[in-house]
Amino acid sequence: MPFVKRDQEGRVAAIFREKASEAEEYLPPDHAEVVDFLRETTDADKSSMLQSDLEMIRVYEDLTDILIGKNIVMLTDFPPAAQEKLIRRKRLRSSLSPITELLGGSDQEEEDLL
C-alpha cells in the first residue's frame, strides 16, 4: 500500500491497498502526493459531515416545533438548559426572518413554544 490511480492531469485520484489494473503505480505512504490526497479527502469528508449536521439541526428544530405545536411534548418537558436553547434559537431564527418581523410573529412564536 498504497497504489495510486491518477487523473488526466496526473494528480492522485484514488488510492488502493493492492495493485489493480487502474492503479499500478506504487508510492510510499509518506509520499507528499499520498499525504496531500488523504488530507484533501479527509477535509472533504469533514465538510460533508458538517453540512449534514447543519441540515439535520434544522430537521430537529422543525420536529421539535411540530411536537410542541401538537401538544405531544411541552416546552417544560425539556430540561431548563434545553428550554433556554430552544427559546434562544427560536428568537434568533425569528430575528433573521424579515417576513416574521413584518408580521410581528416573533412574540407569538415564543408564546407558541410555551
N, C-alpha and C. Protein backbone atom coordinates (compact mmCIF):
# COMPACT_ATOMS: atom_id res chain seq x y z
N MET A 1 0.86 -1.17 0.00
CA MET A 1 0.00 0.00 0.00
C MET A 1 0.89 1.21 0.00
N PRO A 2 0.57 2.24 -0.62
CA PRO A 2 -0.58 2.46 -1.47
C PRO A 2 -0.21 2.45 -2.96
N PHE A 3 -1.12 1.94 -3.72
CA PHE A 3 -1.03 2.03 -5.17
C PHE A 3 -2.00 3.14 -5.57
N VAL A 4 -1.58 3.95 -6.52
CA VAL A 4 -2.38 5.12 -6.85
C VAL A 4 -2.90 5.07 -8.28
N LYS A 5 -4.05 5.69 -8.43
CA LYS A 5 -4.64 5.94 -9.75
C LYS A 5 -4.55 7.44 -9.96
N ARG A 6 -4.16 7.84 -11.14
CA ARG A 6 -4.02 9.26 -11.43
C ARG A 6 -5.12 9.73 -12.37
N ASP A 7 -5.47 11.01 -12.24
CA ASP A 7 -6.46 11.59 -13.15
C ASP A 7 -5.77 12.07 -14.43
N GLN A 8 -6.50 12.72 -15.30
CA GLN A 8 -5.95 13.15 -16.59
C GLN A 8 -4.86 14.20 -16.45
N GLU A 9 -4.87 14.94 -15.34
CA GLU A 9 -3.82 15.94 -15.11
C GLU A 9 -2.62 15.36 -14.37
N GLY A 10 -2.67 14.07 -14.07
CA GLY A 10 -1.55 13.42 -13.39
C GLY A 10 -1.60 13.48 -11.88
N ARG A 11 -2.70 13.98 -11.33
CA ARG A 11 -2.84 14.05 -9.87
C ARG A 11 -3.40 12.73 -9.35
N VAL A 12 -3.07 12.42 -8.11
CA VAL A 12 -3.60 11.22 -7.47
C VAL A 12 -5.11 11.38 -7.34
N ALA A 13 -5.85 10.40 -7.89
CA ALA A 13 -7.31 10.45 -7.87
C ALA A 13 -7.91 9.38 -6.96
N ALA A 14 -7.14 8.32 -6.70
CA ALA A 14 -7.61 7.24 -5.84
C ALA A 14 -6.41 6.48 -5.31
N ILE A 15 -6.61 5.84 -4.17
CA ILE A 15 -5.56 5.03 -3.55
C ILE A 15 -6.12 3.64 -3.28
N PHE A 16 -5.31 2.63 -3.57
CA PHE A 16 -5.70 1.23 -3.38
C PHE A 16 -4.68 0.53 -2.50
N ARG A 17 -5.14 -0.46 -1.74
CA ARG A 17 -4.23 -1.27 -0.92
C ARG A 17 -3.34 -2.16 -1.77
N GLU A 18 -3.95 -2.68 -2.81
CA GLU A 18 -3.24 -3.63 -3.66
C GLU A 18 -3.19 -3.11 -5.08
N LYS A 19 -2.23 -3.63 -5.82
CA LYS A 19 -2.09 -3.26 -7.22
C LYS A 19 -3.36 -3.67 -7.96
N ALA A 20 -3.82 -2.78 -8.82
CA ALA A 20 -5.01 -3.03 -9.64
C ALA A 20 -4.71 -2.56 -11.05
N SER A 21 -5.55 -2.99 -11.98
CA SER A 21 -5.30 -2.62 -13.38
C SER A 21 -5.28 -1.10 -13.56
N GLU A 22 -6.10 -0.39 -12.80
CA GLU A 22 -6.12 1.07 -12.92
C GLU A 22 -5.17 1.75 -11.94
N ALA A 23 -4.53 0.96 -11.08
CA ALA A 23 -3.62 1.52 -10.07
C ALA A 23 -2.39 0.63 -9.95
N GLU A 24 -1.45 0.84 -10.84
CA GLU A 24 -0.24 0.02 -10.82
C GLU A 24 0.95 0.75 -10.22
N GLU A 25 0.82 2.06 -10.05
CA GLU A 25 1.94 2.85 -9.54
C GLU A 25 1.95 2.82 -8.01
N TYR A 26 3.10 2.42 -7.45
CA TYR A 26 3.26 2.39 -6.00
C TYR A 26 3.92 3.70 -5.55
N LEU A 27 3.39 4.27 -4.49
CA LEU A 27 4.01 5.42 -3.83
C LEU A 27 4.12 5.09 -2.35
N PRO A 28 5.21 5.48 -1.71
CA PRO A 28 5.33 5.24 -0.27
C PRO A 28 4.22 5.97 0.49
N PRO A 29 3.78 5.42 1.62
CA PRO A 29 2.69 6.05 2.38
C PRO A 29 2.97 7.49 2.79
N ASP A 30 4.25 7.84 2.97
CA ASP A 30 4.58 9.20 3.40
C ASP A 30 4.91 10.12 2.23
N HIS A 31 4.69 9.65 1.01
CA HIS A 31 4.93 10.47 -0.18
C HIS A 31 4.01 11.69 -0.14
N ALA A 32 4.52 12.83 -0.54
CA ALA A 32 3.76 14.09 -0.46
C ALA A 32 2.42 14.01 -1.19
N GLU A 33 2.39 13.35 -2.34
CA GLU A 33 1.13 13.26 -3.09
C GLU A 33 0.09 12.41 -2.36
N VAL A 34 0.55 11.36 -1.70
CA VAL A 34 -0.36 10.50 -0.93
C VAL A 34 -0.90 11.27 0.27
N VAL A 35 -0.01 11.94 0.97
CA VAL A 35 -0.40 12.72 2.14
C VAL A 35 -1.38 13.82 1.75
N ASP A 36 -1.09 14.53 0.66
CA ASP A 36 -1.99 15.60 0.20
C ASP A 36 -3.36 15.05 -0.18
N PHE A 37 -3.38 13.91 -0.89
CA PHE A 37 -4.65 13.31 -1.29
C PHE A 37 -5.48 12.94 -0.06
N LEU A 38 -4.84 12.31 0.92
CA LEU A 38 -5.56 11.91 2.13
C LEU A 38 -6.06 13.13 2.90
N ARG A 39 -5.27 14.16 2.95
CA ARG A 39 -5.68 15.38 3.66
C ARG A 39 -6.89 16.00 2.97
N GLU A 40 -6.85 16.10 1.64
CA GLU A 40 -7.98 16.66 0.90
C GLU A 40 -9.23 15.83 1.09
N THR A 41 -9.07 14.51 1.03
CA THR A 41 -10.21 13.61 1.20
C THR A 41 -10.80 13.77 2.60
N THR A 42 -9.94 13.81 3.60
CA THR A 42 -10.40 13.96 4.98
C THR A 42 -11.12 15.30 5.17
N ASP A 43 -10.56 16.37 4.62
CA ASP A 43 -11.19 17.69 4.73
C ASP A 43 -12.56 17.69 4.05
N ALA A 44 -12.64 17.05 2.89
CA ALA A 44 -13.92 16.99 2.17
C ALA A 44 -14.94 16.20 2.98
N ASP A 45 -14.50 15.08 3.58
CA ASP A 45 -15.41 14.27 4.40
C ASP A 45 -15.89 15.06 5.61
N LYS A 46 -14.98 15.78 6.25
CA LYS A 46 -15.37 16.59 7.41
C LYS A 46 -16.36 17.67 7.00
N SER A 47 -16.11 18.28 5.87
CA SER A 47 -17.01 19.32 5.37
C SER A 47 -18.39 18.74 5.07
N SER A 48 -18.42 17.56 4.47
CA SER A 48 -19.70 16.90 4.18
C SER A 48 -20.45 16.57 5.46
N MET A 49 -19.72 16.07 6.45
CA MET A 49 -20.34 15.72 7.72
C MET A 49 -20.89 16.98 8.41
N LEU A 50 -20.13 18.05 8.38
CA LEU A 50 -20.59 19.30 8.98
C LEU A 50 -21.84 19.81 8.28
N GLN A 51 -21.84 19.76 6.96
CA GLN A 51 -23.02 20.20 6.20
C GLN A 51 -24.23 19.34 6.57
N SER A 52 -24.02 18.04 6.67
CA SER A 52 -25.10 17.13 7.05
C SER A 52 -25.62 17.45 8.45
N ASP A 53 -24.70 17.73 9.38
CA ASP A 53 -25.11 18.10 10.74
C ASP A 53 -25.96 19.37 10.73
N LEU A 54 -25.54 20.36 9.96
CA LEU A 54 -26.30 21.61 9.90
C LEU A 54 -27.70 21.39 9.33
N GLU A 55 -27.79 20.53 8.32
CA GLU A 55 -29.10 20.23 7.75
C GLU A 55 -29.97 19.48 8.76
N MET A 56 -29.37 18.55 9.51
CA MET A 56 -30.13 17.78 10.49
C MET A 56 -30.59 18.66 11.65
N ILE A 57 -29.81 19.66 12.01
CA ILE A 57 -30.23 20.56 13.08
C ILE A 57 -31.56 21.20 12.72
N ARG A 58 -31.70 21.61 11.48
CA ARG A 58 -32.97 22.22 11.05
C ARG A 58 -34.11 21.21 11.13
N VAL A 59 -33.82 19.96 10.78
CA VAL A 59 -34.84 18.91 10.88
C VAL A 59 -35.28 18.75 12.33
N TYR A 60 -34.31 18.72 13.25
CA TYR A 60 -34.65 18.57 14.67
C TYR A 60 -35.43 19.78 15.19
N GLU A 61 -35.06 20.96 14.73
CA GLU A 61 -35.83 22.16 15.12
C GLU A 61 -37.27 22.04 14.66
N ASP A 62 -37.44 21.67 13.40
CA ASP A 62 -38.80 21.53 12.86
C ASP A 62 -39.58 20.44 13.59
N LEU A 63 -38.93 19.33 13.87
CA LEU A 63 -39.58 18.23 14.59
C LEU A 63 -40.01 18.68 15.98
N THR A 64 -39.13 19.39 16.67
CA THR A 64 -39.47 19.91 18.00
C THR A 64 -40.66 20.85 17.92
N ASP A 65 -40.66 21.75 16.92
CA ASP A 65 -41.79 22.67 16.75
C ASP A 65 -43.09 21.90 16.51
N ILE A 66 -43.03 20.88 15.68
CA ILE A 66 -44.24 20.08 15.38
C ILE A 66 -44.75 19.39 16.64
N LEU A 67 -43.85 18.76 17.39
CA LEU A 67 -44.25 18.04 18.60
C LEU A 67 -44.84 18.99 19.64
N ILE A 68 -44.23 20.16 19.78
CA ILE A 68 -44.76 21.14 20.73
C ILE A 68 -46.09 21.69 20.22
N GLY A 69 -46.16 21.98 18.93
CA GLY A 69 -47.38 22.52 18.34
C GLY A 69 -48.57 21.58 18.46
N LYS A 70 -48.31 20.27 18.44
CA LYS A 70 -49.39 19.28 18.56
C LYS A 70 -49.60 18.85 20.01
N ASN A 71 -48.94 19.53 20.93
CA ASN A 71 -49.03 19.22 22.36
C ASN A 71 -48.65 17.77 22.68
N ILE A 72 -47.76 17.22 21.88
CA ILE A 72 -47.24 15.88 22.17
C ILE A 72 -46.18 15.99 23.25
N VAL A 73 -45.39 17.05 23.18
CA VAL A 73 -44.46 17.39 24.25
C VAL A 73 -44.67 18.86 24.57
N MET A 74 -44.32 19.23 25.76
CA MET A 74 -44.41 20.63 26.19
C MET A 74 -42.99 21.15 26.34
N LEU A 75 -42.83 22.43 26.16
CA LEU A 75 -41.52 23.03 26.34
C LEU A 75 -40.98 22.70 27.73
N THR A 76 -41.86 22.68 28.70
CA THR A 76 -41.45 22.41 30.08
C THR A 76 -41.04 20.95 30.30
N ASP A 77 -41.27 20.08 29.32
CA ASP A 77 -40.79 18.70 29.41
C ASP A 77 -39.27 18.62 29.25
N PHE A 78 -38.70 19.65 28.64
CA PHE A 78 -37.26 19.67 28.41
C PHE A 78 -36.55 20.21 29.65
N PRO A 79 -35.31 19.82 29.87
CA PRO A 79 -34.54 20.40 30.97
C PRO A 79 -34.40 21.92 30.77
N PRO A 80 -34.25 22.67 31.86
CA PRO A 80 -34.16 24.13 31.74
C PRO A 80 -33.12 24.61 30.73
N ALA A 81 -31.96 23.99 30.69
CA ALA A 81 -30.93 24.41 29.74
C ALA A 81 -31.41 24.21 28.30
N ALA A 82 -32.10 23.12 28.04
CA ALA A 82 -32.63 22.86 26.69
C ALA A 82 -33.74 23.85 26.36
N GLN A 83 -34.57 24.19 27.36
CA GLN A 83 -35.64 25.18 27.13
C GLN A 83 -35.03 26.52 26.70
N GLU A 84 -33.99 26.93 27.41
CA GLU A 84 -33.33 28.19 27.08
C GLU A 84 -32.77 28.17 25.66
N LYS A 85 -32.15 27.05 25.29
CA LYS A 85 -31.59 26.93 23.94
C LYS A 85 -32.67 26.96 22.88
N LEU A 86 -33.78 26.27 23.14
CA LEU A 86 -34.88 26.27 22.18
C LEU A 86 -35.46 27.67 21.99
N ILE A 87 -35.67 28.37 23.09
CA ILE A 87 -36.22 29.73 23.02
C ILE A 87 -35.23 30.67 22.33
N ARG A 88 -33.96 30.56 22.71
CA ARG A 88 -32.93 31.42 22.10
C ARG A 88 -32.85 31.17 20.59
N ARG A 89 -32.90 29.91 20.20
CA ARG A 89 -32.83 29.55 18.78
C ARG A 89 -34.05 30.08 18.02
N LYS A 90 -35.21 29.95 18.64
CA LYS A 90 -36.44 30.43 18.02
C LYS A 90 -36.38 31.95 17.84
N ARG A 91 -35.89 32.66 18.86
CA ARG A 91 -35.75 34.11 18.76
C ARG A 91 -34.76 34.48 17.65
N LEU A 92 -33.65 33.79 17.61
CA LEU A 92 -32.63 34.07 16.61
C LEU A 92 -33.18 33.85 15.20
N ARG A 93 -33.84 32.73 15.01
CA ARG A 93 -34.41 32.44 13.68
C ARG A 93 -35.44 33.50 13.32
N SER A 94 -36.25 33.90 14.27
CA SER A 94 -37.26 34.93 14.01
C SER A 94 -36.62 36.27 13.66
N SER A 95 -35.55 36.61 14.36
CA SER A 95 -34.90 37.90 14.09
C SER A 95 -34.23 37.92 12.73
N LEU A 96 -33.91 36.76 12.21
CA LEU A 96 -33.27 36.69 10.89
C LEU A 96 -34.27 36.62 9.75
N SER A 97 -35.53 36.51 10.09
CA SER A 97 -36.56 36.39 9.07
C SER A 97 -37.33 37.69 8.94
N PRO A 98 -37.07 38.47 7.89
CA PRO A 98 -37.77 39.75 7.72
C PRO A 98 -39.28 39.58 7.63
N ILE A 99 -39.74 38.52 7.05
CA ILE A 99 -41.18 38.30 6.93
C ILE A 99 -41.80 38.13 8.31
N THR A 100 -41.15 37.35 9.15
CA THR A 100 -41.65 37.13 10.51
C THR A 100 -41.69 38.44 11.27
N GLU A 101 -40.65 39.26 11.12
CA GLU A 101 -40.62 40.55 11.81
C GLU A 101 -41.75 41.45 11.32
N LEU A 102 -41.99 41.48 10.02
CA LEU A 102 -43.05 42.32 9.47
C LEU A 102 -44.42 41.90 9.99
N LEU A 103 -44.59 40.60 10.17
CA LEU A 103 -45.87 40.08 10.63
C LEU A 103 -45.99 40.11 12.15
N GLY A 104 -44.88 40.47 12.83
CA GLY A 104 -44.91 40.52 14.28
C GLY A 104 -45.01 39.15 14.91
N GLY A 105 -44.44 38.15 14.25
CA GLY A 105 -44.58 36.78 14.72
C GLY A 105 -43.59 36.35 15.77
N SER A 106 -42.57 37.14 16.06
CA SER A 106 -41.55 36.67 16.99
C SER A 106 -42.11 36.45 18.39
N ASP A 107 -42.96 37.36 18.88
CA ASP A 107 -43.56 37.16 20.20
C ASP A 107 -44.52 35.99 20.19
N GLN A 108 -45.28 35.87 19.11
CA GLN A 108 -46.24 34.78 19.00
C GLN A 108 -45.53 33.43 18.98
N GLU A 109 -44.41 33.34 18.26
CA GLU A 109 -43.69 32.07 18.20
C GLU A 109 -43.19 31.66 19.58
N GLU A 110 -42.73 32.63 20.36
CA GLU A 110 -42.27 32.32 21.71
C GLU A 110 -43.44 31.84 22.56
N GLU A 111 -44.59 32.48 22.42
CA GLU A 111 -45.77 32.04 23.16
C GLU A 111 -46.18 30.65 22.73
N ASP A 112 -46.05 30.36 21.43
CA ASP A 112 -46.39 29.03 20.92
C ASP A 112 -45.52 27.96 21.56
N LEU A 113 -44.27 28.29 21.84
CA LEU A 113 -43.39 27.33 22.49
C LEU A 113 -43.87 27.02 23.91
N LEU A 114 -44.39 28.03 24.58
CA LEU A 114 -44.84 27.84 25.95
C LEU A 114 -46.20 27.21 25.94
